[in-house]
Amino acid sequence: MVEKRLRRAIIGTVINDKMDKTVVVESSRLVEDPLYQKMIRKRETYKAHDKKNECKVGDRVLIEESRPLSRDKRWKVREIIQEKL
């Protein structure tokens, strides 16, 4: 029996929603610098598929890994956790 692989999920903030059915999500994390032992904020951006164009800039969203949808898009928006106030 083939075991199904779990898809990665990331929580991030929408920073761009100008494309059709696509949003850019930024995820940040704290990492300790190996030399200076100082906490540094690392951030990464992902292009995610937003089927219904529901996400707006500033929303907190949960995205999950998917098959390649275009040259840069490999993530889908699973849910909007918190809308921008």
Protein backbone atom coordinates (compact mmCIF):
# COMPACT_ATOMS: atom_id res chain seq x y z
CA MET A 1 0.00 0.00 0.00
CA VAL A 2 1.35 3.42 -0.98
CA GLU A 3 1.51 5.93 1.85
CA LYS A 4 0.16 9.40 1.05
CA ARG A 5 2.55 12.22 1.83
CA LEU A 6 1.30 15.08 4.00
CA ARG A 7 1.32 18.50 2.40
CA ARG A 8 3.22 21.32 4.05
CA ALA A 9 1.13 24.19 5.40
CA ILE A 10 2.31 27.72 6.17
CA ILE A 11 0.65 30.71 7.81
CA GLY A 12 1.49 34.07 6.28
CA THR A 13 0.30 37.55 5.39
CA VAL A 14 -0.95 38.60 1.95
CA ILE A 15 1.31 41.37 0.62
CA ASN A 16 0.04 41.58 -2.98
CA ASP A 17 -3.32 40.72 -4.58
CA LYS A 18 -3.11 42.50 -7.94
CA MET A 19 -2.93 39.34 -10.06
CA ASP A 20 -6.02 37.39 -11.12
CA LYS A 21 -6.58 34.35 -8.84
CA THR A 22 -3.08 34.72 -7.37
CA VAL A 23 -1.82 36.28 -4.14
CA VAL A 24 1.70 36.78 -2.83
CA VAL A 25 2.04 35.56 0.76
CA GLU A 26 4.93 36.50 3.04
CA SER A 27 5.92 34.19 5.87
CA SER A 28 8.46 35.23 8.51
CA ARG A 29 10.29 33.31 11.22
CA LEU A 30 12.92 34.04 13.88
CA VAL A 31 16.34 32.39 13.51
CA GLU A 32 19.36 32.72 15.75
CA ASP A 33 22.51 33.99 14.06
CA PRO A 34 25.22 31.33 14.50
CA LEU A 35 28.06 33.79 15.07
CA TYR A 36 26.48 36.57 17.11
CA GLN A 37 23.65 34.63 18.82
CA LYS A 38 21.22 37.40 17.88
CA MET A 39 17.66 36.68 16.72
CA ILE A 40 17.12 37.60 13.06
CA ARG A 41 13.77 37.75 11.26
CA LYS A 42 13.90 35.71 8.04
CA ARG A 43 11.08 36.06 5.53
CA GLU A 44 10.07 34.25 2.40
CA THR A 45 7.42 34.94 -0.21
CA TYR A 46 5.16 32.42 -1.94
CA LYS A 47 2.71 32.79 -4.82
CA ALA A 48 -0.53 31.03 -3.95
CA HIS A 49 -3.66 30.22 -5.93
CA ASP A 50 -6.76 32.07 -4.69
CA LYS A 51 -9.61 30.48 -6.64
CA LYS A 52 -12.34 33.01 -5.74
CA ASN A 53 -10.19 36.18 -5.44
CA GLU A 54 -11.26 36.51 -1.78
CA CYS A 55 -7.91 37.48 -0.20
CA LYS A 56 -6.98 41.14 0.30
CA VAL A 57 -3.69 42.76 1.30
CA GLY A 58 -3.10 42.35 5.04
CA ASP A 59 -5.13 39.14 5.50
CA ARG A 60 -3.57 36.26 7.49
CA VAL A 61 -3.96 33.08 5.42
CA LEU A 62 -3.14 29.39 5.63
CA ILE A 63 -1.56 28.08 2.42
CA GLU A 64 -0.79 24.47 1.53
CA GLU A 65 1.56 22.87 -0.94
CA SER A 66 0.10 21.65 -4.23
CA ARG A 67 1.14 20.53 -7.67
CA PRO A 68 2.73 23.20 -9.91
CA LEU A 69 -0.04 25.48 -11.20
CA SER A 70 2.23 27.82 -13.20
CA ARG A 71 5.91 28.69 -13.42
CA ASP A 72 6.00 30.21 -9.91
CA LYS A 73 2.78 28.98 -8.26
CA ARG A 74 3.07 25.84 -6.11
CA TRP A 75 0.74 26.75 -3.21
CA LYS A 76 -3.04 27.06 -2.69
CA VAL A 77 -4.90 29.21 -0.18
CA ARG A 78 -6.67 26.78 2.16
CA GLU A 79 -8.42 29.38 4.37
CA ILE A 80 -8.40 32.98 5.49
CA ILE A 81 -7.54 32.95 9.19
CA GLN A 82 -7.98 36.67 9.92
CA GLU A 83 -9.15 39.47 7.66
CA LYS A 84 -7.46 42.85 7.78
CA LEU A 85 -9.19 45.16 10.21
